[in-house]
């Protein structure tokens, strides 16, 4: 897999996690720990995207 394809895949995963976080925050009774875990995964992906883009 070339770098551009890898970046595109990471961006798709980041967007998917963004959607999951939004849905989890809107849902009643969602565990705060679950939301925090999703946010951490999203942050790691963002950092990886920025690192590879540099």
C-alpha atoms as a PDB file:
ATOM      1  CA  UNK A   1       0.000   0.000   0.000  1.00  0.00           C
ATOM      2  CA  UNK A   2       1.419   3.355  -0.945  1.00  0.00           C
ATOM      3  CA  UNK A   3       1.503   6.337   1.388  1.00  0.00           C
ATOM      4  CA  UNK A   4      -1.453   8.180  -0.161  1.00  0.00           C
ATOM      5  CA  UNK A   5      -3.688   5.133   0.024  1.00  0.00           C
ATOM      6  CA  UNK A   6      -2.640   4.595   3.636  1.00  0.00           C
ATOM      7  CA  UNK A   7      -3.432   8.230   4.508  1.00  0.00           C
ATOM      8  CA  UNK A   8      -6.833   7.965   2.862  1.00  0.00           C
ATOM      9  CA  UNK A   9      -7.593   4.834   4.862  1.00  0.00           C
ATOM     10  CA  UNK A  10      -6.512   6.506   8.115  1.00  0.00           C
ATOM     11  CA  UNK A  11      -8.700   9.529   7.352  1.00  0.00           C
ATOM     12  CA  UNK A  12     -11.689   7.253   6.728  1.00  0.00           C
ATOM     13  CA  UNK A  13     -11.107   5.529  10.069  1.00  0.00           C
ATOM     14  CA  UNK A  14     -10.776   8.934  11.782  1.00  0.00           C
ATOM     15  CA  UNK A  15     -14.092  10.090  10.296  1.00  0.00           C
ATOM     16  CA  UNK A  16     -15.771   6.852  11.327  1.00  0.00           C
ATOM     17  CA  UNK A  17     -14.545   7.326  14.902  1.00  0.00           C
ATOM     18  CA  UNK A  18     -15.795  10.924  14.858  1.00  0.00           C
ATOM     19  CA  UNK A  19     -19.247   9.665  13.962  1.00  0.00           C
ATOM     20  CA  UNK A  20     -19.100   6.998  16.676  1.00  0.00           C
ATOM     21  CA  UNK A  21     -18.092   9.579  19.303  1.00  0.00           C
ATOM     22  CA  UNK A  22     -20.958  11.871  18.287  1.00  0.00           C
ATOM     23  CA  UNK A  23     -23.488   9.058  18.461  1.00  0.00           C
ATOM     24  CA  UNK A  24     -22.157   7.818  21.799  1.00  0.00           C
ATOM     25  CA  UNK A  25     -22.329  11.298  23.317  1.00  0.00           C
ATOM     26  CA  UNK A  26     -25.935  11.721  22.207  1.00  0.00           C
ATOM     27  CA  UNK A  27     -27.085   8.327  23.438  1.00  0.00           C
ATOM     28  CA  UNK A  28     -28.452   8.212  26.970  1.00  0.00           C
ATOM     29  CA  UNK A  29     -26.655   5.995  29.408  1.00  0.00           C
ATOM     30  CA  UNK A  30     -23.464   5.588  27.408  1.00  0.00           C
ATOM     31  CA  UNK A  31     -20.416   4.818  29.504  1.00  0.00           C
ATOM     32  CA  UNK A  32     -18.067   7.803  29.731  1.00  0.00           C
ATOM     33  CA  UNK A  33     -15.124   5.440  29.639  1.00  0.00           C
ATOM     34  CA  UNK A  34     -16.248   4.124  26.261  1.00  0.00           C
ATOM     35  CA  UNK A  35     -16.433   7.667  24.863  1.00  0.00           C
ATOM     36  CA  UNK A  36     -12.987   8.475  26.271  1.00  0.00           C
ATOM     37  CA  UNK A  37     -11.545   5.351  24.647  1.00  0.00           C
ATOM     38  CA  UNK A  38     -13.021   6.316  21.281  1.00  0.00           C
ATOM     39  CA  UNK A  39     -11.603   9.824  21.627  1.00  0.00           C
ATOM     40  CA  UNK A  40      -8.138   8.448  22.404  1.00  0.00           C
ATOM     41  CA  UNK A  41      -8.267   6.203  19.333  1.00  0.00           C
ATOM     42  CA  UNK A  42      -9.339   9.177  17.250  1.00  0.00           C
ATOM     43  CA  UNK A  43      -6.470  11.285  18.605  1.00  0.00           C
ATOM     44  CA  UNK A  44      -3.922   8.551  17.849  1.00  0.00           C
ATOM     45  CA  UNK A  45      -5.177   8.359  14.272  1.00  0.00           C
ATOM     46  CA  UNK A  46      -4.994  12.138  13.914  1.00  0.00           C
ATOM     47  CA  UNK A  47      -1.419  12.170  15.185  1.00  0.00           C
ATOM     48  CA  UNK A  48      -0.479   9.354  12.786  1.00  0.00           C
ATOM     49  CA  UNK A  49      -2.063  11.229   9.868  1.00  0.00           C
ATOM     50  CA  UNK A  50      -0.171  14.406  10.765  1.00  0.00           C
ATOM     51  CA  UNK A  51       3.094  12.504  11.171  1.00  0.00           C
ATOM     52  CA  UNK A  52       2.762  10.818   7.790  1.00  0.00           C
ATOM     53  CA  UNK A  53       1.668  14.034   6.080  1.00  0.00           C
ATOM     54  CA  UNK A  54       4.723  15.953   7.244  1.00  0.00           C
END
